[in-house]
Amino acid sequence: MIIEIPALFSPDEVREMRAQLEGADWTDGRVTAGHRAARVKENEQLALDDPLARALADRVLERLGQSPTFIAAALPRRVLQPRFSRYDGHGLYGNHVDNALFPVPGTGDYVRSDVSSTLFLSDPDEYAGGELVIEDTFGTQSIKLPAGHLIVYPSSSLHRVAPVTGGQRFVAFLWTQSFVASAEQRRMLFELDGAIQTLGSDHPDHASLDGLGHVYHNLLRHWSTP
């Protein structure tokens, strides 16, 4: 299931964030990649302990917590600190699958990556190439969204960032451990929740709403892990 969340940040908000990122201290992005992923990764990232990275990450997390679509799609239990990357010149990230487990900095805990998300911070006309290409049971999709838009997809998907052949591509990316580990079960819950919301909007007094809500929450109760 691939879900696009438009306008998570407004154009003015993105411009403000970009102005900060363009003057940031960038490091080699391969430092945070797994062994195999590092061989196909060529970009730059902000260090996790960079004060700007932490401030912008908190801003992204706050906005995600206000997004009903993100909450319905990801059913977030834990969200790892968002990270920021820049693709310049011939930057790319070849085919890879995200690590299953990510350490939480400063703790002995880990976050299981169920859901991956990319927040676009450059508009499509600001760079050439650089599409996020996702392959899974739903086929192959090539994604290049306006700045401020978010894409949410299963972390189990094979994906890549096509070579950036001109301009600069700025993004934030993050991983979420869901209350529901199964991508298929999350998809069914998301679709059921969407149907309930639509029915409630069109027919707020419909007799089926209570029954559908009962089914949704009992499925969530049955499929979720603490």
N, C-alpha and C. Protein backbone atom coordinates (compact mmCIF):
# COMPACT_ATOMS: atom_id res chain seq x y z
N MET A 1 0.84 -1.19 0.00
CA MET A 1 0.00 0.00 0.00
C MET A 1 0.88 1.25 0.00
N ILE A 2 0.71 2.07 -1.01
CA ILE A 2 1.40 3.35 -1.09
C ILE A 2 0.36 4.45 -0.90
N ILE A 3 0.61 5.32 0.06
CA ILE A 3 -0.32 6.40 0.38
C ILE A 3 0.40 7.73 0.22
N GLU A 4 -0.19 8.61 -0.55
CA GLU A 4 0.33 9.98 -0.67
C GLU A 4 -0.44 10.89 0.26
N ILE A 5 0.29 11.69 1.04
CA ILE A 5 -0.32 12.67 1.93
C ILE A 5 0.09 14.05 1.42
N PRO A 6 -0.81 14.75 0.73
CA PRO A 6 -0.43 16.04 0.15
C PRO A 6 -0.35 17.13 1.20
N ALA A 7 0.56 18.09 0.92
CA ALA A 7 0.64 19.33 1.70
C ALA A 7 0.75 19.09 3.20
N LEU A 8 1.62 18.15 3.59
CA LEU A 8 1.89 18.00 5.02
C LEU A 8 2.50 19.30 5.55
N PHE A 9 3.31 19.94 4.71
CA PHE A 9 3.86 21.27 5.00
C PHE A 9 3.51 22.20 3.85
N SER A 10 3.23 23.44 4.17
CA SER A 10 2.88 24.43 3.15
C SER A 10 4.13 24.87 2.39
N PRO A 11 3.97 25.48 1.22
CA PRO A 11 5.14 25.99 0.48
C PRO A 11 5.99 26.95 1.31
N ASP A 12 5.35 27.83 2.10
CA ASP A 12 6.12 28.76 2.93
C ASP A 12 6.92 28.01 3.99
N GLU A 13 6.32 26.98 4.58
CA GLU A 13 7.04 26.20 5.59
C GLU A 13 8.22 25.46 4.97
N VAL A 14 8.02 24.92 3.77
CA VAL A 14 9.10 24.20 3.10
C VAL A 14 10.24 25.17 2.77
N ARG A 15 9.91 26.36 2.29
CA ARG A 15 10.97 27.33 1.98
C ARG A 15 11.79 27.66 3.21
N GLU A 16 11.13 27.80 4.35
CA GLU A 16 11.85 28.07 5.60
C GLU A 16 12.78 26.91 5.96
N MET A 17 12.28 25.69 5.86
CA MET A 17 13.10 24.52 6.17
C MET A 17 14.27 24.40 5.19
N ARG A 18 14.00 24.65 3.92
CA ARG A 18 15.05 24.55 2.91
C ARG A 18 16.16 25.57 3.16
N ALA A 19 15.79 26.77 3.53
CA ALA A 19 16.80 27.79 3.80
C ALA A 19 17.75 27.33 4.90
N GLN A 20 17.20 26.63 5.89
CA GLN A 20 18.05 26.10 6.96
C GLN A 20 18.91 24.94 6.46
N LEU A 21 18.32 24.08 5.66
CA LEU A 21 19.06 22.91 5.18
C LEU A 21 20.17 23.28 4.21
N GLU A 22 19.97 24.30 3.42
CA GLU A 22 20.98 24.67 2.43
C GLU A 22 22.25 25.18 3.09
N GLY A 23 22.15 25.68 4.32
CA GLY A 23 23.33 26.14 5.03
C GLY A 23 23.84 25.16 6.07
N ALA A 24 23.34 23.91 6.02
CA ALA A 24 23.68 22.93 7.05
C ALA A 24 25.03 22.26 6.77
N ASP A 25 25.54 21.56 7.78
CA ASP A 25 26.77 20.77 7.64
C ASP A 25 26.37 19.34 7.27
N TRP A 26 26.68 18.94 6.04
CA TRP A 26 26.28 17.64 5.54
C TRP A 26 27.42 16.63 5.66
N THR A 27 27.05 15.36 5.88
CA THR A 27 28.04 14.29 6.00
C THR A 27 27.72 13.19 4.98
N ASP A 28 28.65 12.27 4.82
CA ASP A 28 28.47 11.17 3.87
C ASP A 28 27.29 10.30 4.30
N GLY A 29 26.31 10.12 3.43
CA GLY A 29 25.11 9.36 3.76
C GLY A 29 25.35 7.89 3.95
N ARG A 30 26.49 7.37 3.49
CA ARG A 30 26.76 5.94 3.62
C ARG A 30 27.01 5.53 5.07
N VAL A 31 27.28 6.51 5.93
CA VAL A 31 27.57 6.20 7.34
C VAL A 31 26.40 5.50 8.00
N THR A 32 25.16 5.85 7.61
CA THR A 32 23.98 5.30 8.28
C THR A 32 23.35 4.15 7.50
N ALA A 33 24.00 3.72 6.41
CA ALA A 33 23.42 2.63 5.61
C ALA A 33 23.94 1.28 6.09
N GLY A 34 23.15 0.23 5.84
CA GLY A 34 23.60 -1.13 6.12
C GLY A 34 24.74 -1.51 5.18
N HIS A 35 25.34 -2.68 5.43
CA HIS A 35 26.54 -3.08 4.68
C HIS A 35 26.29 -3.10 3.18
N ARG A 36 25.23 -3.76 2.74
CA ARG A 36 24.96 -3.85 1.31
C ARG A 36 24.43 -2.54 0.76
N ALA A 37 23.58 -1.86 1.53
CA ALA A 37 23.00 -0.61 1.06
C ALA A 37 24.07 0.45 0.84
N ALA A 38 25.12 0.44 1.68
CA ALA A 38 26.19 1.44 1.55
C ALA A 38 26.89 1.34 0.20
N ARG A 39 26.84 0.16 -0.42
CA ARG A 39 27.51 -0.02 -1.70
C ARG A 39 26.76 0.64 -2.85
N VAL A 40 25.50 0.96 -2.65
CA VAL A 40 24.69 1.54 -3.73
C VAL A 40 24.16 2.92 -3.34
N LYS A 41 24.71 3.51 -2.29
CA LYS A 41 24.21 4.79 -1.78
C LYS A 41 25.23 5.88 -2.01
N GLU A 42 24.76 6.98 -2.59
CA GLU A 42 25.63 8.12 -2.82
C GLU A 42 24.83 9.40 -2.59
N ASN A 43 24.83 9.84 -1.35
CA ASN A 43 24.15 11.08 -1.01
C ASN A 43 24.77 11.65 0.26
N GLU A 44 24.18 12.72 0.77
CA GLU A 44 24.65 13.35 2.00
C GLU A 44 23.50 13.41 2.99
N GLN A 45 23.83 13.34 4.28
CA GLN A 45 22.82 13.40 5.34
C GLN A 45 23.28 14.33 6.45
N LEU A 46 22.30 14.81 7.22
CA LEU A 46 22.63 15.52 8.45
C LEU A 46 22.90 14.50 9.55
N ALA A 47 23.91 14.75 10.35
CA ALA A 47 24.17 13.88 11.49
C ALA A 47 22.97 13.90 12.43
N LEU A 48 22.68 12.75 13.03
CA LEU A 48 21.51 12.65 13.90
C LEU A 48 21.58 13.60 15.09
N ASP A 49 22.80 13.86 15.58
CA ASP A 49 22.93 14.73 16.75
C ASP A 49 23.12 16.20 16.37
N ASP A 50 23.01 16.52 15.09
CA ASP A 50 23.08 17.91 14.66
C ASP A 50 21.86 18.65 15.23
N PRO A 51 22.06 19.79 15.90
CA PRO A 51 20.92 20.51 16.49
C PRO A 51 19.84 20.86 15.46
N LEU A 52 20.24 21.20 14.24
CA LEU A 52 19.25 21.51 13.20
C LEU A 52 18.45 20.26 12.84
N ALA A 53 19.15 19.12 12.72
CA ALA A 53 18.46 17.87 12.40
C ALA A 53 17.42 17.54 13.47
N ARG A 54 17.78 17.73 14.72
CA ARG A 54 16.85 17.42 15.81
C ARG A 54 15.66 18.38 15.81
N ALA A 55 15.92 19.66 15.56
CA ALA A 55 14.83 20.64 15.57
C ALA A 55 13.85 20.37 14.42
N LEU A 56 14.39 20.11 13.23
CA LEU A 56 13.52 19.84 12.09
C LEU A 56 12.79 18.50 12.26
N ALA A 57 13.48 17.51 12.84
CA ALA A 57 12.84 16.21 13.08
C ALA A 57 11.65 16.37 14.03
N ASP A 58 11.82 17.15 15.08
CA ASP A 58 10.72 17.37 16.02
C ASP A 58 9.53 18.04 15.31
N ARG A 59 9.85 18.92 14.40
CA ARG A 59 8.80 19.61 13.66
C ARG A 59 8.03 18.62 12.77
N VAL A 60 8.76 17.73 12.12
CA VAL A 60 8.10 16.72 11.27
C VAL A 60 7.26 15.77 12.12
N LEU A 61 7.80 15.32 13.25
CA LEU A 61 7.06 14.41 14.11
C LEU A 61 5.77 15.05 14.63
N GLU A 62 5.85 16.31 15.00
CA GLU A 62 4.66 17.01 15.48
C GLU A 62 3.59 17.05 14.40
N ARG A 63 4.00 17.34 13.16
CA ARG A 63 3.03 17.43 12.08
C ARG A 63 2.44 16.07 11.73
N LEU A 64 3.26 15.02 11.78
CA LEU A 64 2.74 13.68 11.54
C LEU A 64 1.69 13.30 12.56
N GLY A 65 1.91 13.71 13.81
CA GLY A 65 0.94 13.41 14.86
C GLY A 65 -0.38 14.13 14.67
N GLN A 66 -0.39 15.14 13.79
CA GLN A 66 -1.62 15.89 13.51
C GLN A 66 -2.28 15.44 12.22
N SER A 67 -1.71 14.42 11.56
CA SER A 67 -2.22 13.97 10.27
C SER A 67 -3.08 12.72 10.44
N PRO A 68 -4.39 12.82 10.30
CA PRO A 68 -5.25 11.64 10.41
C PRO A 68 -4.91 10.56 9.37
N THR A 69 -4.50 10.99 8.18
CA THR A 69 -4.17 10.01 7.15
C THR A 69 -2.94 9.21 7.51
N PHE A 70 -1.90 9.88 8.02
CA PHE A 70 -0.69 9.15 8.43
C PHE A 70 -1.02 8.19 9.56
N ILE A 71 -1.78 8.63 10.54
CA ILE A 71 -2.11 7.77 11.68
C ILE A 71 -2.92 6.57 11.22
N ALA A 72 -3.87 6.78 10.31
CA ALA A 72 -4.70 5.68 9.82
C ALA A 72 -3.89 4.71 8.98
N ALA A 73 -2.94 5.22 8.20
CA ALA A 73 -2.16 4.35 7.30
C ALA A 73 -1.06 3.61 8.04
N ALA A 74 -0.38 4.29 8.96
CA ALA A 74 0.77 3.69 9.62
C ALA A 74 0.42 3.02 10.95
N LEU A 75 -0.67 3.45 11.60
CA LEU A 75 -1.01 2.97 12.94
C LEU A 75 0.24 2.96 13.82
N PRO A 76 0.85 4.14 13.99
CA PRO A 76 2.18 4.21 14.59
C PRO A 76 2.23 3.84 16.06
N ARG A 77 3.16 2.95 16.37
CA ARG A 77 3.48 2.63 17.76
C ARG A 77 4.71 3.41 18.19
N ARG A 78 5.74 3.40 17.33
CA ARG A 78 6.95 4.17 17.58
C ARG A 78 7.44 4.72 16.24
N VAL A 79 7.92 5.95 16.26
CA VAL A 79 8.45 6.56 15.05
C VAL A 79 9.89 6.97 15.32
N LEU A 80 10.78 6.48 14.47
CA LEU A 80 12.19 6.82 14.63
C LEU A 80 12.42 8.27 14.21
N GLN A 81 13.39 8.91 14.83
CA GLN A 81 13.70 10.31 14.51
C GLN A 81 13.90 10.48 13.01
N PRO A 82 13.13 11.37 12.37
CA PRO A 82 13.33 11.62 10.94
C PRO A 82 14.75 12.06 10.63
N ARG A 83 15.20 11.69 9.44
CA ARG A 83 16.54 12.04 8.98
C ARG A 83 16.41 12.86 7.69
N PHE A 84 17.46 13.58 7.36
CA PHE A 84 17.42 14.50 6.23
C PHE A 84 18.59 14.20 5.29
N SER A 85 18.29 14.17 4.01
CA SER A 85 19.33 13.87 3.03
C SER A 85 19.28 14.85 1.87
N ARG A 86 20.43 14.95 1.21
CA ARG A 86 20.58 15.81 0.04
C ARG A 86 21.26 15.01 -1.07
N TYR A 87 20.66 15.06 -2.24
CA TYR A 87 21.23 14.42 -3.43
C TYR A 87 21.67 15.54 -4.36
N ASP A 88 22.96 15.56 -4.66
CA ASP A 88 23.54 16.63 -5.46
C ASP A 88 24.35 16.01 -6.58
N GLY A 89 24.39 16.67 -7.73
CA GLY A 89 25.21 16.14 -8.82
C GLY A 89 24.66 14.82 -9.32
N HIS A 90 25.40 13.74 -9.04
CA HIS A 90 24.98 12.42 -9.51
C HIS A 90 24.55 11.53 -8.33
N GLY A 91 23.99 12.12 -7.30
CA GLY A 91 23.54 11.35 -6.15
C GLY A 91 22.49 10.32 -6.53
N LEU A 92 22.53 9.21 -5.83
CA LEU A 92 21.57 8.13 -6.08
C LEU A 92 21.54 7.21 -4.87
N TYR A 93 20.57 6.30 -4.88
CA TYR A 93 20.50 5.24 -3.86
C TYR A 93 19.91 4.04 -4.58
N GLY A 94 20.75 3.07 -4.89
CA GLY A 94 20.33 1.91 -5.67
C GLY A 94 19.35 1.02 -4.94
N ASN A 95 18.94 -0.05 -5.61
CA ASN A 95 17.94 -0.96 -5.05
C ASN A 95 18.35 -1.45 -3.66
N HIS A 96 17.43 -1.38 -2.73
CA HIS A 96 17.69 -1.85 -1.37
C HIS A 96 16.37 -2.07 -0.65
N VAL A 97 16.42 -2.83 0.42
CA VAL A 97 15.31 -2.98 1.36
C VAL A 97 15.77 -2.40 2.68
N ASP A 98 14.94 -1.60 3.31
CA ASP A 98 15.34 -0.97 4.57
C ASP A 98 15.61 -2.03 5.64
N ASN A 99 16.56 -1.72 6.52
CA ASN A 99 16.86 -2.63 7.62
C ASN A 99 15.58 -2.93 8.40
N ALA A 100 15.48 -4.15 8.89
CA ALA A 100 14.29 -4.54 9.66
C ALA A 100 14.26 -3.88 11.02
N LEU A 101 15.43 -3.66 11.62
CA LEU A 101 15.53 -3.10 12.96
C LEU A 101 16.51 -1.93 12.95
N PHE A 102 16.13 -0.84 13.59
CA PHE A 102 16.99 0.32 13.71
C PHE A 102 17.19 0.65 15.19
N PRO A 103 18.44 0.87 15.62
CA PRO A 103 18.66 1.25 17.01
C PRO A 103 18.16 2.65 17.29
N VAL A 104 17.62 2.84 18.47
CA VAL A 104 17.21 4.17 18.92
C VAL A 104 18.43 4.82 19.56
N PRO A 105 18.93 5.91 18.99
CA PRO A 105 20.16 6.53 19.51
C PRO A 105 20.07 6.83 21.00
N GLY A 106 21.14 6.49 21.72
CA GLY A 106 21.22 6.78 23.14
C GLY A 106 20.50 5.81 24.03
N THR A 107 19.94 4.74 23.45
CA THR A 107 19.23 3.73 24.24
C THR A 107 19.66 2.35 23.76
N GLY A 108 19.19 1.33 24.45
CA GLY A 108 19.42 -0.04 23.99
C GLY A 108 18.24 -0.59 23.22
N ASP A 109 17.30 0.28 22.88
CA ASP A 109 16.07 -0.14 22.21
C ASP A 109 16.22 -0.14 20.70
N TYR A 110 15.30 -0.85 20.06
CA TYR A 110 15.25 -0.89 18.60
C TYR A 110 13.83 -0.59 18.13
N VAL A 111 13.73 -0.03 16.95
CA VAL A 111 12.45 0.17 16.28
C VAL A 111 12.40 -0.77 15.08
N ARG A 112 11.32 -1.54 14.98
CA ARG A 112 11.12 -2.39 13.81
C ARG A 112 10.55 -1.53 12.68
N SER A 113 11.14 -1.60 11.53
CA SER A 113 10.66 -0.78 10.41
C SER A 113 9.55 -1.51 9.67
N ASP A 114 8.32 -1.08 9.91
CA ASP A 114 7.16 -1.59 9.20
C ASP A 114 6.76 -0.67 8.06
N VAL A 115 6.86 0.62 8.32
CA VAL A 115 6.39 1.64 7.38
C VAL A 115 7.51 2.64 7.13
N SER A 116 7.81 2.88 5.86
CA SER A 116 8.78 3.91 5.48
C SER A 116 8.03 5.13 4.95
N SER A 117 8.60 6.30 5.18
CA SER A 117 7.98 7.54 4.69
C SER A 117 9.05 8.47 4.16
N THR A 118 8.74 9.15 3.07
CA THR A 118 9.63 10.16 2.50
C THR A 118 8.86 11.46 2.36
N LEU A 119 9.42 12.52 2.94
CA LEU A 119 8.85 13.87 2.82
C LEU A 119 9.69 14.63 1.80
N PHE A 120 9.07 15.02 0.70
CA PHE A 120 9.79 15.74 -0.35
C PHE A 120 9.94 17.21 0.06
N LEU A 121 11.17 17.71 -0.04
CA LEU A 121 11.47 19.09 0.33
C LEU A 121 12.01 19.89 -0.86
N SER A 122 11.97 19.29 -2.04
CA SER A 122 12.29 19.98 -3.29
C SER A 122 11.15 19.74 -4.27
N ASP A 123 10.79 20.75 -5.04
CA ASP A 123 9.77 20.57 -6.06
C ASP A 123 10.34 19.81 -7.25
N PRO A 124 9.51 19.11 -8.00
CA PRO A 124 10.00 18.29 -9.11
C PRO A 124 10.82 19.05 -10.14
N ASP A 125 10.52 20.34 -10.34
CA ASP A 125 11.27 21.09 -11.35
C ASP A 125 12.60 21.63 -10.83
N GLU A 126 12.93 21.32 -9.58
CA GLU A 126 14.20 21.79 -9.02
C GLU A 126 15.34 20.81 -9.24
N TYR A 127 15.03 19.61 -9.72
CA TYR A 127 16.08 18.63 -9.96
C TYR A 127 15.64 17.68 -11.06
N ALA A 128 16.62 17.13 -11.76
CA ALA A 128 16.37 16.17 -12.83
C ALA A 128 16.62 14.76 -12.31
N GLY A 129 15.78 13.81 -12.69
CA GLY A 129 15.91 12.45 -12.16
C GLY A 129 15.43 12.42 -10.72
N GLY A 130 16.03 11.52 -9.92
CA GLY A 130 15.75 11.49 -8.50
C GLY A 130 14.40 10.92 -8.09
N GLU A 131 13.74 10.18 -9.00
CA GLU A 131 12.46 9.59 -8.64
C GLU A 131 12.65 8.50 -7.58
N LEU A 132 11.72 8.42 -6.64
CA LEU A 132 11.65 7.30 -5.71
C LEU A 132 10.91 6.17 -6.41
N VAL A 133 11.59 5.06 -6.64
CA VAL A 133 11.00 3.94 -7.37
C VAL A 133 10.76 2.80 -6.39
N ILE A 134 9.51 2.40 -6.25
CA ILE A 134 9.12 1.38 -5.27
C ILE A 134 8.57 0.17 -6.01
N GLU A 135 9.10 -1.02 -5.66
CA GLU A 135 8.64 -2.27 -6.27
C GLU A 135 8.08 -3.16 -5.17
N ASP A 136 6.88 -3.69 -5.40
CA ASP A 136 6.28 -4.61 -4.44
C ASP A 136 5.19 -5.39 -5.14
N THR A 137 4.34 -6.04 -4.38
CA THR A 137 3.28 -6.85 -4.97
C THR A 137 2.31 -6.01 -5.79
N PHE A 138 2.28 -4.70 -5.54
CA PHE A 138 1.39 -3.82 -6.28
C PHE A 138 2.02 -3.33 -7.59
N GLY A 139 3.23 -3.83 -7.92
CA GLY A 139 3.91 -3.40 -9.14
C GLY A 139 5.00 -2.39 -8.83
N THR A 140 5.44 -1.69 -9.87
CA THR A 140 6.50 -0.70 -9.74
C THR A 140 5.92 0.69 -9.93
N GLN A 141 6.23 1.59 -9.00
CA GLN A 141 5.75 2.96 -9.10
C GLN A 141 6.93 3.91 -8.98
N SER A 142 6.93 4.92 -9.83
CA SER A 142 7.95 5.96 -9.83
C SER A 142 7.33 7.24 -9.29
N ILE A 143 7.90 7.79 -8.23
CA ILE A 143 7.24 8.85 -7.46
C ILE A 143 8.14 10.06 -7.34
N LYS A 144 7.59 11.20 -7.68
CA LYS A 144 8.30 12.49 -7.57
C LYS A 144 7.26 13.55 -7.25
N LEU A 145 7.14 13.88 -5.97
CA LEU A 145 6.01 14.69 -5.50
C LEU A 145 6.43 16.15 -5.27
N PRO A 146 5.44 17.04 -5.21
CA PRO A 146 5.73 18.44 -4.86
C PRO A 146 6.32 18.54 -3.45
N ALA A 147 7.07 19.60 -3.24
CA ALA A 147 7.66 19.84 -1.92
C ALA A 147 6.55 19.98 -0.88
N GLY A 148 6.75 19.35 0.27
CA GLY A 148 5.77 19.37 1.34
C GLY A 148 4.86 18.17 1.35
N HIS A 149 4.90 17.34 0.29
CA HIS A 149 4.08 16.13 0.22
C HIS A 149 4.85 14.94 0.78
N LEU A 150 4.11 14.00 1.36
CA LEU A 150 4.69 12.82 1.99
C LEU A 150 4.21 11.57 1.28
N ILE A 151 5.09 10.60 1.11
CA ILE A 151 4.70 9.29 0.59
C ILE A 151 4.97 8.25 1.66
N VAL A 152 4.02 7.33 1.86
CA VAL A 152 4.10 6.29 2.89
C VAL A 152 4.00 4.95 2.19
N TYR A 153 4.91 4.02 2.51
CA TYR A 153 4.94 2.73 1.82
C TYR A 153 5.55 1.67 2.72
N PRO A 154 5.34 0.39 2.42
CA PRO A 154 5.87 -0.67 3.28
C PRO A 154 7.40 -0.71 3.27
N SER A 155 8.00 -0.82 4.44
CA SER A 155 9.46 -0.90 4.53
C SER A 155 10.01 -2.17 3.90
N SER A 156 9.17 -3.16 3.72
CA SER A 156 9.59 -4.42 3.12
C SER A 156 9.76 -4.31 1.60
N SER A 157 9.35 -3.19 1.02
CA SER A 157 9.42 -3.01 -0.43
C SER A 157 10.86 -2.82 -0.89
N LEU A 158 11.16 -3.37 -2.06
CA LEU A 158 12.41 -3.05 -2.73
C LEU A 158 12.25 -1.67 -3.35
N HIS A 159 13.18 -0.76 -3.07
CA HIS A 159 13.04 0.59 -3.60
C HIS A 159 14.40 1.21 -3.87
N ARG A 160 14.38 2.33 -4.60
CA ARG A 160 15.62 3.00 -4.96
C ARG A 160 15.32 4.47 -5.25
N VAL A 161 16.37 5.28 -5.27
CA VAL A 161 16.27 6.66 -5.73
C VAL A 161 17.08 6.74 -7.02
N ALA A 162 16.39 7.08 -8.11
CA ALA A 162 17.06 7.18 -9.40
C ALA A 162 18.14 8.27 -9.36
N PRO A 163 19.17 8.16 -10.18
CA PRO A 163 20.24 9.17 -10.18
C PRO A 163 19.71 10.59 -10.39
N VAL A 164 20.22 11.50 -9.58
CA VAL A 164 19.91 12.92 -9.74
C VAL A 164 20.93 13.48 -10.72
N THR A 165 20.47 13.91 -11.87
CA THR A 165 21.39 14.34 -12.93
C THR A 165 21.49 15.85 -13.04
N GLY A 166 20.76 16.57 -12.20
CA GLY A 166 20.83 18.02 -12.18
C GLY A 166 20.05 18.58 -11.02
N GLY A 167 20.51 19.71 -10.48
CA GLY A 167 19.84 20.33 -9.36
C GLY A 167 20.11 19.60 -8.05
N GLN A 168 19.28 19.86 -7.06
CA GLN A 168 19.43 19.26 -5.74
C GLN A 168 18.09 18.70 -5.28
N ARG A 169 18.17 17.52 -4.69
CA ARG A 169 16.97 16.85 -4.15
C ARG A 169 17.12 16.77 -2.63
N PHE A 170 16.26 17.49 -1.91
CA PHE A 170 16.23 17.45 -0.46
C PHE A 170 15.01 16.64 -0.01
N VAL A 171 15.20 15.74 0.94
CA VAL A 171 14.09 14.97 1.50
C VAL A 171 14.32 14.73 2.98
N ALA A 172 13.23 14.46 3.67
CA ALA A 172 13.29 13.87 5.01
C ALA A 172 12.72 12.46 4.89
N PHE A 173 13.25 11.54 5.67
CA PHE A 173 12.75 10.17 5.62
C PHE A 173 12.74 9.59 7.02
N LEU A 174 11.85 8.63 7.23
CA LEU A 174 11.68 8.08 8.57
C LEU A 174 11.06 6.71 8.50
N TRP A 175 11.19 5.98 9.62
CA TRP A 175 10.61 4.64 9.73
C TRP A 175 9.69 4.59 10.94
N THR A 176 8.63 3.82 10.78
CA THR A 176 7.62 3.68 11.83
C THR A 176 7.41 2.22 12.17
N GLN A 177 7.41 1.92 13.45
CA GLN A 177 6.96 0.61 13.91
C GLN A 177 5.47 0.71 14.17
N SER A 178 4.71 -0.09 13.45
CA SER A 178 3.26 -0.03 13.54
C SER A 178 2.73 -0.95 14.63
N PHE A 179 1.56 -0.63 15.14
CA PHE A 179 0.88 -1.56 16.03
C PHE A 179 0.49 -2.84 15.28
N VAL A 180 0.40 -2.74 13.95
CA VAL A 180 0.04 -3.89 13.11
C VAL A 180 1.20 -4.16 12.17
N ALA A 181 1.90 -5.26 12.38
CA ALA A 181 3.11 -5.54 11.61
C ALA A 181 2.83 -5.89 10.16
N SER A 182 1.71 -6.53 9.89
CA SER A 182 1.39 -6.99 8.54
C SER A 182 0.95 -5.85 7.64
N ALA A 183 1.62 -5.69 6.50
CA ALA A 183 1.25 -4.66 5.53
C ALA A 183 -0.15 -4.92 4.98
N GLU A 184 -0.49 -6.18 4.76
CA GLU A 184 -1.81 -6.50 4.22
C GLU A 184 -2.91 -6.17 5.22
N GLN A 185 -2.68 -6.47 6.49
CA GLN A 185 -3.67 -6.14 7.50
C GLN A 185 -3.81 -4.62 7.68
N ARG A 186 -2.69 -3.91 7.61
CA ARG A 186 -2.76 -2.45 7.68
C ARG A 186 -3.57 -1.89 6.51
N ARG A 187 -3.37 -2.47 5.32
CA ARG A 187 -4.10 -2.00 4.15
C ARG A 187 -5.61 -2.19 4.35
N MET A 188 -6.02 -3.37 4.84
CA MET A 188 -7.44 -3.63 5.03
C MET A 188 -8.03 -2.70 6.08
N LEU A 189 -7.29 -2.46 7.16
CA LEU A 189 -7.78 -1.54 8.19
C LEU A 189 -7.90 -0.12 7.65
N PHE A 190 -6.93 0.29 6.84
CA PHE A 190 -6.97 1.64 6.26
C PHE A 190 -8.17 1.79 5.35
N GLU A 191 -8.42 0.79 4.52
CA GLU A 191 -9.56 0.86 3.61
C GLU A 191 -10.88 0.84 4.37
N LEU A 192 -10.96 0.02 5.41
CA LEU A 192 -12.17 -0.03 6.21
C LEU A 192 -12.40 1.29 6.93
N ASP A 193 -11.34 1.85 7.49
CA ASP A 193 -11.46 3.13 8.16
C ASP A 193 -11.91 4.22 7.19
N GLY A 194 -11.34 4.20 5.97
CA GLY A 194 -11.74 5.19 4.97
C GLY A 194 -13.21 5.06 4.60
N ALA A 195 -13.68 3.82 4.46
CA ALA A 195 -15.09 3.60 4.12
C ALA A 195 -16.01 4.09 5.23
N ILE A 196 -15.60 3.86 6.48
CA ILE A 196 -16.40 4.32 7.62
C ILE A 196 -16.45 5.85 7.64
N GLN A 197 -15.29 6.49 7.40
CA GLN A 197 -15.25 7.96 7.41
C GLN A 197 -16.12 8.54 6.31
N THR A 198 -16.08 7.93 5.11
CA THR A 198 -16.89 8.42 4.00
C THR A 198 -18.38 8.25 4.29
N LEU A 199 -18.74 7.06 4.79
CA LEU A 199 -20.14 6.82 5.12
C LEU A 199 -20.63 7.79 6.19
N GLY A 200 -19.78 8.01 7.21
CA GLY A 200 -20.16 8.92 8.28
C GLY A 200 -20.31 10.35 7.80
N SER A 201 -19.50 10.75 6.81
CA SER A 201 -19.61 12.10 6.26
C SER A 201 -20.86 12.25 5.40
N ASP A 202 -21.14 11.23 4.59
CA ASP A 202 -22.29 11.31 3.68
C ASP A 202 -23.62 11.02 4.39
N HIS A 203 -23.58 10.11 5.35
CA HIS A 203 -24.81 9.69 6.05
C HIS A 203 -24.50 9.57 7.55
N PRO A 204 -24.39 10.69 8.26
CA PRO A 204 -23.95 10.65 9.65
C PRO A 204 -24.83 9.84 10.59
N ASP A 205 -26.07 9.58 10.22
CA ASP A 205 -26.97 8.82 11.08
C ASP A 205 -27.19 7.40 10.58
N HIS A 206 -26.33 6.94 9.68
CA HIS A 206 -26.54 5.61 9.09
C HIS A 206 -26.42 4.54 10.18
N ALA A 207 -27.34 3.60 10.15
CA ALA A 207 -27.40 2.56 11.20
C ALA A 207 -26.19 1.64 11.18
N SER A 208 -25.48 1.57 10.05
CA SER A 208 -24.34 0.64 9.94
C SER A 208 -23.06 1.17 10.58
N LEU A 209 -23.02 2.45 10.91
CA LEU A 209 -21.77 3.03 11.39
C LEU A 209 -21.28 2.36 12.68
N ASP A 210 -22.16 2.12 13.61
CA ASP A 210 -21.74 1.49 14.87
C ASP A 210 -21.21 0.09 14.62
N GLY A 211 -21.89 -0.66 13.76
CA GLY A 211 -21.44 -2.02 13.48
C GLY A 211 -20.10 -2.05 12.77
N LEU A 212 -19.89 -1.15 11.82
CA LEU A 212 -18.61 -1.10 11.11
C LEU A 212 -17.48 -0.67 12.04
N GLY A 213 -17.78 0.30 12.90
CA GLY A 213 -16.77 0.72 13.88
C GLY A 213 -16.42 -0.42 14.82
N HIS A 214 -17.43 -1.21 15.18
CA HIS A 214 -17.21 -2.38 16.04
C HIS A 214 -16.25 -3.36 15.37
N VAL A 215 -16.48 -3.62 14.09
CA VAL A 215 -15.62 -4.55 13.35
C VAL A 215 -14.20 -3.99 13.26
N TYR A 216 -14.07 -2.69 12.92
CA TYR A 216 -12.74 -2.09 12.78
C TYR A 216 -11.93 -2.23 14.07
N HIS A 217 -12.50 -1.84 15.17
CA HIS A 217 -11.74 -1.84 16.42
C HIS A 217 -11.45 -3.26 16.93
N ASN A 218 -12.34 -4.18 16.65
CA ASN A 218 -12.04 -5.56 17.05
C ASN A 218 -10.96 -6.19 16.17
N LEU A 219 -10.94 -5.84 14.89
CA LEU A 219 -9.83 -6.29 14.03
C LEU A 219 -8.52 -5.68 14.50
N LEU A 220 -8.53 -4.39 14.82
CA LEU A 220 -7.33 -3.74 15.31
C LEU A 220 -6.87 -4.36 16.62
N ARG A 221 -7.80 -4.66 17.48
CA ARG A 221 -7.48 -5.30 18.75
C ARG A 221 -6.87 -6.67 18.51
N HIS A 222 -7.41 -7.41 17.54
CA HIS A 222 -6.95 -8.77 17.25
C HIS A 222 -5.58 -8.78 16.60
N TRP A 223 -5.31 -7.82 15.71
CA TRP A 223 -4.09 -7.83 14.92
C TRP A 223 -2.94 -7.04 15.54
N SER A 224 -3.22 -6.18 16.48
CA SER A 224 -2.17 -5.30 17.01
C SER A 224 -1.31 -6.03 18.02
N THR A 225 -0.08 -5.54 18.14
CA THR A 225 0.85 -6.06 19.14
C THR A 225 1.20 -4.91 20.08
N PRO A 226 1.36 -5.19 21.36
CA PRO A 226 1.61 -4.11 22.32
C PRO A 226 3.02 -3.51 22.18
